[in-house]
Amino acid sequence: MEFNNEVETALAAFCQESSLGRDEAIQRILKEWLLREGFLSSGQEGIPPHKLNASNDD
């Protein structure tokens, strides 16, 4: 997959800084975004929303 020059330049910088190959870097970026946006489960269990209160704030 090819991206525009701006994205390719940023991706190359990320690859170099992270010591990752291009495909692995794309996978990591995509996975982190999917986790953050709630499209992918992290596999970690948290406190269910209905049980959240001031006593379990960290």
Protein backbone atom coordinates (compact mmCIF):
# COMPACT_ATOMS: atom_id res chain seq x y z
CA MET A 1 0.00 0.00 0.00
CA GLU A 2 1.31 3.42 -0.89
CA PHE A 3 0.40 6.68 0.80
CA ASN A 4 0.85 10.32 -0.16
CA ASN A 5 4.30 11.86 0.35
CA GLU A 6 3.43 13.47 3.68
CA VAL A 7 2.28 10.17 5.21
CA GLU A 8 5.17 8.21 3.66
CA THR A 9 7.68 10.67 5.16
CA ALA A 10 6.07 10.43 8.60
CA LEU A 11 5.89 6.65 8.35
CA ALA A 12 9.57 6.43 7.40
CA ALA A 13 10.48 8.59 10.41
CA PHE A 14 8.37 6.38 12.70
CA CYS A 15 10.03 3.25 11.28
CA GLN A 16 13.48 4.66 11.85
CA GLU A 17 12.74 5.91 15.37
CA SER A 18 11.04 2.66 16.36
CA SER A 19 13.49 0.33 14.57
CA LEU A 20 10.59 -1.34 12.79
CA GLY A 21 10.06 -2.47 9.24
CA ARG A 22 7.40 -0.66 7.24
CA ASP A 23 4.77 -3.42 7.45
CA GLU A 24 5.27 -3.89 11.20
CA ALA A 25 5.08 -0.12 11.76
CA ILE A 26 1.81 0.13 9.81
CA GLN A 27 0.39 -2.78 11.80
CA ARG A 28 1.42 -1.20 15.12
CA ILE A 29 -0.01 2.21 14.19
CA LEU A 30 -3.27 0.69 13.00
CA LYS A 31 -3.61 -1.58 16.05
CA GLU A 32 -3.01 1.30 18.48
CA TRP A 33 -5.60 3.44 16.69
CA LEU A 34 -8.15 0.61 16.64
CA LEU A 35 -7.63 0.00 20.37
CA ARG A 36 -7.93 3.69 21.21
CA GLU A 37 -11.10 4.10 19.15
CA GLY A 38 -12.72 0.98 20.63
CA PHE A 39 -12.79 -1.12 17.48
CA LEU A 40 -10.37 -3.69 18.92
CA SER A 41 -10.37 -5.23 22.38
CA SER A 42 -7.17 -5.00 24.38
CA GLY A 43 -7.96 -8.27 26.14
CA GLN A 44 -7.67 -6.51 29.48
CA GLU A 45 -10.63 -6.39 31.78
CA GLY A 46 -11.45 -3.18 33.52
CA ILE A 47 -14.12 -2.05 35.91
CA PRO A 48 -17.55 -2.17 34.27
CA PRO A 49 -18.99 1.32 33.82
CA HIS A 50 -21.87 0.66 36.21
CA LYS A 51 -19.38 -0.09 39.02
CA LEU A 52 -17.28 3.05 38.57
CA ASN A 53 -17.36 5.50 41.47
CA ALA A 54 -15.08 7.84 43.42
CA SER A 55 -13.75 5.00 45.58
CA ASN A 56 -12.10 3.25 42.61
CA ASP A 57 -10.54 6.36 41.04
CA ASP A 58 -6.78 6.05 40.60
